[in-house]
Protein backbone atom coordinates (compact mmCIF):
# COMPACT_ATOMS: atom_id res chain seq x y z
CA MET A 1 -34.67 14.90 -0.01
CA THR A 2 -34.56 11.56 -2.32
CA ASP A 3 -36.69 12.49 -5.56
CA GLY A 4 -40.37 11.38 -5.38
CA LEU A 5 -43.62 11.40 -2.58
CA ILE A 6 -45.30 9.12 -0.90
CA LEU A 7 -49.12 8.95 -0.88
CA ALA A 8 -50.89 7.26 2.21
CA ILE A 9 -54.11 6.29 3.23
CA GLU A 10 -55.46 5.52 6.64
CA THR A 11 -58.96 4.42 7.25
CA SER A 12 -58.83 1.24 9.72
CA CYS A 13 -62.01 2.33 11.44
CA ASP A 14 -63.86 5.83 11.90
CA GLU A 15 -61.28 8.26 10.96
CA THR A 16 -60.32 9.18 7.18
CA ALA A 17 -56.88 10.16 6.83
CA VAL A 18 -54.34 11.12 3.74
CA ALA A 19 -50.67 12.29 4.29
CA LEU A 20 -47.84 13.32 1.74
CA ALA A 21 -44.00 12.41 2.71
CA ASP A 22 -41.46 12.30 0.99
CA LEU A 23 -38.95 9.53 0.79
CA ASP A 24 -37.00 10.10 3.75
CA GLY A 25 -40.15 9.69 5.76
CA ARG A 26 -40.50 13.72 6.70
CA ILE A 27 -43.97 14.41 6.60
CA LEU A 28 -45.21 17.47 4.53
CA GLY A 29 -48.80 17.31 5.39
CA SER A 30 -51.28 14.99 7.07
CA TYR A 31 -55.04 15.40 6.79
CA VAL A 32 -57.90 13.76 8.75
CA SER A 33 -61.74 13.97 8.75
CA SER A 34 -62.66 12.96 11.86
CA GLN A 35 -66.02 10.79 12.65
CA VAL A 36 -66.11 11.50 16.41
CA ALA A 37 -68.83 13.43 16.10
CA LEU A 38 -71.01 10.93 13.81
CA HIS A 39 -70.75 8.17 15.90
CA ALA A 40 -71.20 9.71 19.38
CA PRO A 41 -74.77 9.09 19.71
CA TYR A 42 -74.72 5.21 19.57
CA GLY A 43 -71.62 5.39 21.98
CA GLY A 44 -69.29 3.49 19.69
CA VAL A 45 -68.18 3.07 16.11
CA VAL A 46 -70.84 1.51 13.60
CA PRO A 47 -69.12 0.17 11.01
CA GLU A 48 -71.65 0.92 8.25
CA LEU A 49 -71.62 4.39 9.20
CA ALA A 50 -67.97 4.56 9.26
CA SER A 51 -67.47 3.00 5.80
CA ARG A 52 -69.98 5.28 4.05
CA ASN A 53 -68.71 8.06 5.20
CA HIS A 54 -65.09 7.04 4.30
CA ASN A 55 -66.76 6.40 0.99
CA VAL A 56 -67.71 10.17 0.94
CA ASP A 57 -64.54 11.73 2.51
CA LEU A 58 -61.61 9.64 1.21
CA ARG A 59 -61.51 11.06 -2.51
CA PRO A 60 -62.05 14.98 -1.53
CA LEU A 61 -59.60 14.50 1.27
CA VAL A 62 -57.00 12.97 -1.22
CA ALA A 63 -57.45 15.70 -3.71
CA HIS A 64 -57.38 18.44 -0.64
CA ALA A 65 -53.94 17.19 0.03
CA LEU A 66 -52.62 17.16 -3.09
CA ASP A 67 -53.94 20.79 -3.81
CA ASP A 68 -52.73 21.98 -0.26
CA GLN A 69 -49.00 20.64 -1.02
CA GLY A 70 -48.94 21.59 -4.77
CA VAL A 71 -48.18 18.34 -5.61
CA ALA A 72 -48.59 16.87 -9.10
CA ARG A 73 -49.47 13.31 -9.83
CA ASP A 74 -46.40 13.10 -11.40
CA GLN A 75 -44.41 14.07 -8.32
CA LEU A 76 -45.95 10.54 -6.28
CA ALA A 77 -43.20 7.94 -6.01
CA LEU A 78 -44.94 4.98 -4.37
CA ILE A 79 -48.51 4.81 -2.76
CA ALA A 80 -49.35 3.11 1.03
CA ALA A 81 -52.27 2.33 2.51
CA THR A 82 -53.19 0.69 5.68
CA SER A 83 -54.36 -2.90 5.31
CA GLY A 84 -55.01 -4.02 8.41
CA PRO A 85 -55.85 -4.83 11.59
CA GLY A 86 -59.15 -3.02 11.84
CA LEU A 87 -62.38 -2.85 10.67
CA ALA A 88 -62.74 -5.04 7.17
CA SER A 89 -65.69 -2.29 5.86
CA SER A 90 -63.24 0.22 6.62
CA LEU A 91 -60.02 -0.94 5.72
CA LEU A 92 -61.33 -2.07 1.96
CA ILE A 93 -62.57 1.71 1.47
CA GLY A 94 -58.58 3.24 1.59
CA ASP A 95 -56.67 -0.23 0.97
CA THR A 96 -58.45 -0.14 -2.88
CA THR A 97 -58.54 3.37 -3.29
CA ALA A 98 -54.58 3.40 -2.36
CA LYS A 99 -54.34 0.19 -4.94
CA ALA A 100 -56.44 1.98 -7.84
CA ILE A 101 -54.13 5.12 -7.44
CA ALA A 102 -51.21 3.03 -7.83
CA VAL A 103 -52.33 0.91 -10.76
CA GLY A 104 -53.47 4.48 -12.49
CA LEU A 105 -50.24 5.84 -11.99
CA SER A 106 -48.11 2.51 -12.83
CA LEU A 107 -46.71 3.24 -8.88
CA PRO A 108 -45.14 0.68 -6.08
CA PHE A 109 -47.61 -0.10 -3.43
CA TYR A 110 -47.11 -0.84 0.21
CA SER A 111 -49.77 -2.56 2.57
CA ILE A 112 -48.66 -1.39 5.95
CA ASN A 113 -50.05 -2.83 9.57
CA HIS A 114 -52.03 -0.09 11.39
CA MET A 115 -49.76 -0.89 14.50
CA GLU A 116 -46.86 -0.97 12.83
CA GLY A 117 -47.71 2.59 11.88
CA HIS A 118 -48.17 3.43 15.49
CA LEU A 119 -45.33 1.29 16.52
CA LEU A 120 -42.49 3.50 14.73
CA SER A 121 -44.86 7.14 15.22
CA PRO A 122 -42.25 8.17 18.07
CA PHE A 123 -39.52 8.58 15.66
CA ILE A 124 -41.42 10.41 13.05
CA GLY A 125 -38.90 13.75 12.43
CA GLY A 126 -35.79 12.12 13.51
CA GLU A 127 -33.14 10.99 11.43
CA GLY A 128 -31.60 7.85 10.57
CA GLU A 129 -32.59 4.51 11.05
CA ILE A 130 -35.03 3.19 13.29
CA PRO A 131 -32.92 1.96 16.57
CA GLU A 132 -33.17 -1.13 18.48
CA HIS A 133 -36.11 -0.54 21.19
CA LEU A 134 -38.83 -1.49 23.43
CA GLY A 135 -42.30 -0.09 21.93
CA LEU A 136 -45.44 0.23 24.06
CA ILE A 137 -48.49 0.68 22.10
CA VAL A 138 -51.70 1.47 23.74
CA SER A 139 -54.31 2.01 21.23
CA GLY A 140 -58.35 1.61 21.18
CA GLY A 141 -58.40 -1.91 20.76
CA HIS A 142 -54.73 -3.02 21.11
CA THR A 143 -52.20 -2.90 24.18
CA LEU A 144 -48.69 -4.26 23.13
CA LEU A 145 -45.08 -4.59 24.28
CA VAL A 146 -42.96 -4.98 21.03
CA ASP A 147 -38.86 -5.82 20.68
CA VAL A 148 -37.82 -3.85 18.03
CA ALA A 149 -34.72 -4.80 16.48
CA GLY A 150 -35.28 -2.69 13.37
CA THR A 151 -37.37 -1.90 10.74
CA ALA A 152 -40.11 -4.81 10.05
CA ASP A 153 -38.02 -6.75 12.72
CA TYR A 154 -40.72 -6.99 15.61
CA GLU A 155 -41.25 -9.39 18.33
CA VAL A 156 -44.20 -9.06 20.37
CA ILE A 157 -43.62 -9.95 23.90
CA GLY A 158 -46.66 -9.13 25.56
CA SER A 159 -50.34 -8.19 24.69
CA THR A 160 -53.56 -7.99 26.49
CA LYS A 161 -55.67 -11.14 27.71
CA ASP A 162 -58.85 -9.39 27.55
CA ASP A 163 -59.96 -5.61 27.11
CA ALA A 164 -57.19 -3.39 26.04
CA ALA A 165 -56.20 -0.05 28.10
CA GLY A 166 -58.19 1.67 25.44
CA GLU A 167 -61.16 -0.31 25.30
CA ALA A 168 -61.39 -0.07 29.25
CA PHE A 169 -60.91 3.58 29.36
CA ASP A 170 -64.09 4.22 26.94
CA LYS A 171 -66.07 1.07 28.69
CA VAL A 172 -65.92 2.92 31.98
CA GLY A 173 -66.14 6.42 30.49
CA LYS A 174 -69.85 4.36 29.54
CA ILE A 175 -70.36 3.02 33.00
CA LEU A 176 -69.76 6.60 34.49
CA GLY A 177 -72.27 8.28 32.08
CA LEU A 178 -69.50 10.43 30.40
CA PRO A 179 -69.53 11.62 26.45
CA TYR A 180 -68.24 9.49 23.77
CA PRO A 181 -65.27 8.96 23.70
CA GLY A 182 -64.80 8.09 27.40
CA GLY A 183 -61.20 8.20 27.63
CA PRO A 184 -60.40 11.81 26.82
CA GLU A 185 -63.12 12.49 29.39
CA ILE A 186 -62.31 10.55 32.09
CA SER A 187 -58.46 11.76 31.71
CA ARG A 188 -59.92 15.57 32.14
CA LEU A 189 -61.81 14.63 34.81
CA ALA A 190 -58.82 12.73 37.01
CA SER A 191 -56.63 15.90 36.87
CA GLY A 192 -58.91 16.92 39.36
CA GLY A 193 -59.28 13.81 41.00
CA ARG A 194 -57.39 11.76 44.22
CA ARG A 195 -55.76 8.84 42.55
CA ASP A 196 -55.48 6.66 46.49
CA ALA A 197 -59.40 7.79 46.66
CA PHE A 198 -60.39 4.06 45.56
CA ASP A 199 -58.37 0.77 45.85
CA PHE A 200 -58.74 -0.92 42.25
CA PRO A 201 -56.87 -3.66 41.16
CA ARG A 202 -53.64 -3.69 39.30
CA SER A 203 -54.28 -7.15 37.57
CA MET A 204 -51.17 -9.19 36.38
CA ILE A 205 -48.77 -6.80 37.60
CA HIS A 206 -46.64 -9.24 39.34
CA SER A 207 -47.39 -11.87 36.83
CA GLY A 208 -43.38 -12.27 35.97
CA ASP A 209 -44.75 -11.82 32.13
CA PHE A 210 -45.53 -8.81 30.32
CA GLU A 211 -49.06 -9.62 29.47
CA PHE A 212 -52.06 -7.24 30.23
CA SER A 213 -55.82 -7.51 32.01
CA PHE A 214 -57.71 -4.74 32.34
CA SER A 215 -61.34 -6.21 32.24
CA GLY A 216 -61.21 -7.01 36.00
CA LEU A 217 -60.40 -3.41 36.61
CA LYS A 218 -63.20 -2.02 34.36
CA THR A 219 -65.57 -4.65 36.45
CA ALA A 220 -64.38 -3.15 40.40
CA VAL A 221 -65.32 0.31 38.81
CA LEU A 222 -68.87 -1.15 37.56
CA TYR A 223 -69.49 -2.35 40.98
CA THR A 224 -67.85 0.46 42.90
CA ARG A 225 -70.24 2.57 40.67
CA LYS A 226 -73.52 0.58 41.78
CA LYS A 227 -73.24 1.10 44.85
CA MET A 228 -73.11 4.78 45.01
CA GLY A 229 -76.85 5.23 43.82
CA ALA A 230 -78.14 7.08 40.96
CA GLU A 231 -76.29 10.38 41.51
CA ILE A 232 -72.82 11.19 42.66
CA GLU A 233 -70.93 14.29 43.72
CA GLU A 234 -68.19 15.65 41.22
CA SER A 235 -65.67 15.30 43.64
CA VAL A 236 -66.18 11.59 43.62
CA LEU A 237 -66.43 11.19 39.96
CA ARG A 238 -63.26 12.62 39.63
CA ASP A 239 -61.94 10.26 42.44
CA LEU A 240 -62.92 7.75 40.58
CA CYS A 241 -61.81 8.76 36.95
CA ALA A 242 -58.26 9.27 38.90
CA SER A 243 -57.91 6.13 40.75
CA PHE A 244 -58.88 4.22 37.94
CA GLU A 245 -56.56 6.17 35.31
CA GLU A 246 -53.55 5.47 37.92
CA ALA A 247 -54.48 1.88 37.96
CA VAL A 248 -53.98 1.16 34.42
CA VAL A 249 -50.68 3.48 34.20
CA ASP A 250 -49.27 1.64 37.33
CA VAL A 251 -49.84 -1.57 34.85
CA LEU A 252 -48.62 0.13 31.61
CA VAL A 253 -45.97 1.43 33.67
CA ALA A 254 -44.47 -1.63 35.39
CA LYS A 255 -44.70 -3.76 32.91
CA THR A 256 -42.64 -1.81 30.37
CA LEU A 257 -39.73 -1.27 32.62
CA ALA A 258 -39.57 -4.90 33.45
CA ALA A 259 -39.76 -5.87 29.65
CA SER A 260 -37.06 -3.48 29.41
CA ARG A 261 -34.91 -4.54 32.05
CA GLY A 262 -35.75 -8.13 30.54
CA ARG A 263 -34.98 -7.69 27.17
CA GLY A 264 -31.81 -5.08 27.87
CA LYS A 265 -33.54 -1.96 25.97
CA LYS A 266 -32.47 1.41 27.02
CA ILE A 267 -34.63 3.41 24.69
CA LEU A 268 -38.45 3.14 24.92
CA ALA A 269 -40.77 4.09 23.06
CA LEU A 270 -44.63 5.21 23.29
CA SER A 271 -47.48 5.23 21.10
CA GLY A 272 -50.83 4.83 20.20
CA GLY A 273 -54.15 6.89 21.01
CA VAL A 274 -53.91 6.43 24.84
CA SER A 275 -50.34 7.86 24.76
CA CYS A 276 -52.37 11.12 24.65
CA ASN A 277 -52.99 10.65 28.31
CA ASP A 278 -50.88 12.99 30.54
CA ARG A 279 -50.57 10.54 33.54
CA LEU A 280 -49.35 7.89 31.20
CA ARG A 281 -46.64 10.09 29.58
CA GLU A 282 -45.54 11.96 32.83
CA ARG A 283 -44.97 8.79 34.60
CA LEU A 284 -43.64 6.95 31.90
CA LEU A 285 -41.04 9.53 31.00
CA GLU A 286 -40.04 10.19 34.74
CA GLU A 287 -39.75 6.46 35.73
CA ALA A 288 -37.81 5.56 32.57
CA SER A 289 -35.22 8.12 33.06
CA ALA A 290 -34.94 7.09 36.52
CA ALA A 291 -33.93 3.70 35.41
CA GLY A 292 -31.51 5.44 32.90
CA CYS A 293 -33.45 4.69 29.93
CA GLN A 294 -34.36 7.29 26.76
CA CYS A 295 -38.02 7.50 26.07
CA GLN A 296 -39.33 8.38 23.11
CA VAL A 297 -43.33 9.71 22.84
CA SER A 298 -45.45 10.19 19.77
CA ASP A 299 -46.37 13.77 19.19
CA ARG A 300 -50.05 13.75 19.93
CA LYS A 301 -51.08 14.80 16.50
CA PHE A 302 -49.54 11.10 15.32
CA SER A 303 -50.98 9.10 18.07
CA THR A 304 -54.40 9.21 17.42
CA ASP A 305 -55.21 7.22 13.90
CA ASN A 306 -53.58 8.97 11.14
CA ALA A 307 -51.86 8.73 7.66
CA ALA A 308 -48.81 10.12 8.46
CA MET A 309 -47.74 6.83 10.71
CA ILE A 310 -48.57 4.99 7.68
CA ALA A 311 -46.44 6.99 5.47
CA PHE A 312 -43.37 6.70 7.41
CA ALA A 313 -44.06 3.26 7.96
CA ALA A 314 -43.66 2.62 4.29
CA ALA A 315 -40.72 5.15 3.88
CA LYS A 316 -38.92 3.21 6.30
CA ARG A 317 -39.75 0.02 4.31
CA HIS A 318 -38.72 1.67 1.07
CA GLN A 319 -35.58 2.90 2.91
CA ALA A 320 -34.54 -0.72 4.09
CA GLY A 321 -34.86 -2.28 0.85
CA ILE A 322 -38.05 -4.26 1.40
CA ALA A 323 -39.52 -5.15 -1.72
CA PRO A 324 -43.38 -3.33 -2.29
CA ASP A 325 -46.40 -5.59 -1.75
CA SER A 326 -48.62 -7.42 -4.40
CA LEU A 327 -51.88 -5.23 -5.53
CA HIS A 328 -53.42 -8.68 -5.33
CA ALA A 329 -53.37 -9.15 -1.35
CA ASP A 330 -56.26 -9.07 0.73
CA ILE A 331 -56.87 -6.49 3.58
CA ASP A 332 -56.64 -8.47 7.05
CA PRO A 333 -58.82 -7.32 9.38
CA ASN A 334 -57.00 -9.53 12.03
CA TRP A 335 -53.47 -8.68 10.82
CA LYS A 336 -50.96 -9.55 13.87
CA LEU A 337 -47.48 -7.25 14.17
CA GLY A 338 -44.43 -9.39 13.60
């Protein structure tokens, strides 16, 4: 192990997260204080509530992480935090706290793009450099295809024109009257439904580019549900969920494999919160293998928002000889990857 440890903080949305890693990127501990129950009554994240609870939870969580791993302050070598994209009021809590720690301990600081954390997360636990690959990031607010040449060398070749896949899952969850967050609930119900029960659109699947669109699919589910009246049988609900899920997965897998062929990439990587979806993981792994590609999928515990992926991205930047960031740099709620 290289001497010194990384302390990383993630507060881009509604999860307060802290992680410790060594400078080789091995994760010692990952800690998340979830706010899902706080936001559930509102059917979505309330920014003021999120930032207020980050402010309450972050300092104790940092202390707990250090105590749990038996780490003293003088063992820390660098500090990292998510500086964008995300909710401005949430980003400020983690970014400012991390910079204050860096100043207090006279340590270098890395501003990490939240999407870079997701992008590299499938390689946590691996050895060596990040390989050339094609990354599919499917999170709550982003659907991205990224050509990765190496650490910090990223080209976004496809993104969503409207709703991201994760947004579509959550909005369809609301349409169907499911508990928040809707995505996991749709996946649970879909496992017992017929995937071909409803003929939902696969928008842009044959567009010839690597762009995505899920707004039309969401609207199709809305109109289909409205035609059914106030109450529907559970079997029909399961069929709706399964058919919607299959439509999303069809597009994601088709676009990813088309991009791998177009870019000549034989290694694929799947990350982001929606990568926890069983059907997406199953289909991409199967079809990548059939196409002669290797597919790396983020561990479920590193798929949703967490600070381990931020620590790992910082470690890879440090290993690549990339200079630390200025403590005067501001957060960027709209920070684009690459």
